[in-house]
């Protein structure tokens, strides 16, 4: 018994009526509610924040976590986003 988690979930993009099936891929989608993007970078940049916000808008999800594993204290590597 655990959480429902989808890995590398395709996120289609529709542009002018044309559907691109795998326009983006969500790293983890938990319980069809929470988007989790995983990074291992020196620091979280604005482009990383824009990425998760875009995924959240396209997938119509209200909660997202951006997790950077390249930190000494994992707690400091987690950023929460709410739409």
C-alpha atoms as a PDB file:
ATOM      1  CA  UNK A   1       0.000   0.000   0.000  1.00  0.00           C
ATOM      2  CA  UNK A   2       1.560   3.260  -1.061  1.00  0.00           C
ATOM      3  CA  UNK A   3       1.195   6.322  -3.196  1.00  0.00           C
ATOM      4  CA  UNK A   4       0.404   6.179  -6.890  1.00  0.00           C
ATOM      5  CA  UNK A   5       3.477   7.516  -8.696  1.00  0.00           C
ATOM      6  CA  UNK A   6       3.982   7.899 -12.434  1.00  0.00           C
ATOM      7  CA  UNK A   7       7.549   8.357 -13.704  1.00  0.00           C
ATOM      8  CA  UNK A   8       8.453  10.337 -16.828  1.00  0.00           C
ATOM      9  CA  UNK A   9       4.780  11.165 -17.404  1.00  0.00           C
ATOM     10  CA  UNK A  10       4.284  12.559 -20.928  1.00  0.00           C
ATOM     11  CA  UNK A  11       2.664  15.979 -20.963  1.00  0.00           C
ATOM     12  CA  UNK A  12       1.166  16.708 -24.367  1.00  0.00           C
ATOM     13  CA  UNK A  13       1.199  20.217 -25.764  1.00  0.00           C
ATOM     14  CA  UNK A  14      -1.604  21.523 -27.991  1.00  0.00           C
ATOM     15  CA  UNK A  15      -0.759  24.380 -30.340  1.00  0.00           C
ATOM     16  CA  UNK A  16      -3.254  25.686 -32.897  1.00  0.00           C
ATOM     17  CA  UNK A  17      -5.199  22.436 -32.698  1.00  0.00           C
ATOM     18  CA  UNK A  18      -2.125  20.246 -33.188  1.00  0.00           C
ATOM     19  CA  UNK A  19      -1.394  17.879 -30.316  1.00  0.00           C
ATOM     20  CA  UNK A  20       2.260  17.021 -29.656  1.00  0.00           C
ATOM     21  CA  UNK A  21       2.081  13.854 -27.559  1.00  0.00           C
ATOM     22  CA  UNK A  22       5.408  14.097 -25.747  1.00  0.00           C
ATOM     23  CA  UNK A  23       6.045  17.811 -25.723  1.00  0.00           C
ATOM     24  CA  UNK A  24       7.261  17.591 -22.126  1.00  0.00           C
ATOM     25  CA  UNK A  25       7.843  14.902 -19.513  1.00  0.00           C
ATOM     26  CA  UNK A  26       7.068  15.301 -15.825  1.00  0.00           C
ATOM     27  CA  UNK A  27       9.728  13.576 -13.686  1.00  0.00           C
ATOM     28  CA  UNK A  28       7.221  12.335 -11.092  1.00  0.00           C
ATOM     29  CA  UNK A  29       3.459  12.748 -10.760  1.00  0.00           C
ATOM     30  CA  UNK A  30       2.186  11.687  -7.332  1.00  0.00           C
ATOM     31  CA  UNK A  31      -1.458  10.673  -6.893  1.00  0.00           C
ATOM     32  CA  UNK A  32      -2.278  12.648 -10.072  1.00  0.00           C
ATOM     33  CA  UNK A  33      -1.975  15.806  -7.922  1.00  0.00           C
ATOM     34  CA  UNK A  34       1.646  16.744  -7.206  1.00  0.00           C
ATOM     35  CA  UNK A  35       4.311  17.385  -9.826  1.00  0.00           C
ATOM     36  CA  UNK A  36       7.858  16.696  -8.691  1.00  0.00           C
ATOM     37  CA  UNK A  37      10.810  17.855 -10.764  1.00  0.00           C
ATOM     38  CA  UNK A  38      14.192  16.454  -9.755  1.00  0.00           C
ATOM     39  CA  UNK A  39      17.467  18.308 -10.313  1.00  0.00           C
ATOM     40  CA  UNK A  40      21.094  17.941  -9.342  1.00  0.00           C
ATOM     41  CA  UNK A  41      22.530  21.393 -10.012  1.00  0.00           C
ATOM     42  CA  UNK A  42      24.756  23.910  -8.234  1.00  0.00           C
ATOM     43  CA  UNK A  43      21.772  26.199  -7.695  1.00  0.00           C
ATOM     44  CA  UNK A  44      18.158  26.457  -8.758  1.00  0.00           C
ATOM     45  CA  UNK A  45      17.853  28.976 -11.587  1.00  0.00           C
ATOM     46  CA  UNK A  46      14.858  30.913 -12.879  1.00  0.00           C
ATOM     47  CA  UNK A  47      14.664  28.513 -15.852  1.00  0.00           C
ATOM     48  CA  UNK A  48      14.097  25.599 -13.447  1.00  0.00           C
ATOM     49  CA  UNK A  49      11.316  27.518 -11.719  1.00  0.00           C
ATOM     50  CA  UNK A  50       9.763  28.406 -15.067  1.00  0.00           C
ATOM     51  CA  UNK A  51       9.889  24.743 -16.086  1.00  0.00           C
ATOM     52  CA  UNK A  52       7.884  23.470 -13.124  1.00  0.00           C
ATOM     53  CA  UNK A  53       5.402  26.357 -13.332  1.00  0.00           C
ATOM     54  CA  UNK A  54       4.853  25.579 -17.023  1.00  0.00           C
ATOM     55  CA  UNK A  55       4.289  21.907 -16.262  1.00  0.00           C
ATOM     56  CA  UNK A  56       1.833  22.789 -13.503  1.00  0.00           C
ATOM     57  CA  UNK A  57      -0.163  25.096 -15.786  1.00  0.00           C
ATOM     58  CA  UNK A  58      -0.228  22.663 -18.709  1.00  0.00           C
ATOM     59  CA  UNK A  59      -1.189  19.711 -16.481  1.00  0.00           C
ATOM     60  CA  UNK A  60      -3.665  21.817 -14.457  1.00  0.00           C
ATOM     61  CA  UNK A  61      -2.041  20.853 -11.150  1.00  0.00           C
ATOM     62  CA  UNK A  62      -1.969  23.180  -8.173  1.00  0.00           C
ATOM     63  CA  UNK A  63       1.065  21.853  -6.281  1.00  0.00           C
ATOM     64  CA  UNK A  64       4.631  21.250  -7.415  1.00  0.00           C
ATOM     65  CA  UNK A  65       7.943  20.452  -5.764  1.00  0.00           C
ATOM     66  CA  UNK A  66      11.315  21.270  -7.252  1.00  0.00           C
ATOM     67  CA  UNK A  67      13.941  19.130  -5.537  1.00  0.00           C
ATOM     68  CA  UNK A  68      17.665  19.764  -5.945  1.00  0.00           C
ATOM     69  CA  UNK A  69      19.751  16.843  -4.694  1.00  0.00           C
ATOM     70  CA  UNK A  70      23.055  18.706  -5.084  1.00  0.00           C
ATOM     71  CA  UNK A  71      22.912  20.272  -1.600  1.00  0.00           C
ATOM     72  CA  UNK A  72      24.355  19.329   1.787  1.00  0.00           C
ATOM     73  CA  UNK A  73      20.991  19.505   3.540  1.00  0.00           C
ATOM     74  CA  UNK A  74      18.158  18.100   1.395  1.00  0.00           C
ATOM     75  CA  UNK A  75      15.601  20.252   3.188  1.00  0.00           C
ATOM     76  CA  UNK A  76      17.260  23.365   1.745  1.00  0.00           C
ATOM     77  CA  UNK A  77      17.015  21.877  -1.759  1.00  0.00           C
ATOM     78  CA  UNK A  78      13.212  21.625  -1.787  1.00  0.00           C
ATOM     79  CA  UNK A  79      11.117  24.448  -3.243  1.00  0.00           C
ATOM     80  CA  UNK A  80       7.318  24.346  -3.169  1.00  0.00           C
ATOM     81  CA  UNK A  81       5.137  25.962  -5.825  1.00  0.00           C
ATOM     82  CA  UNK A  82       1.405  26.606  -5.543  1.00  0.00           C
ATOM     83  CA  UNK A  83      -0.879  27.889  -8.292  1.00  0.00           C
END
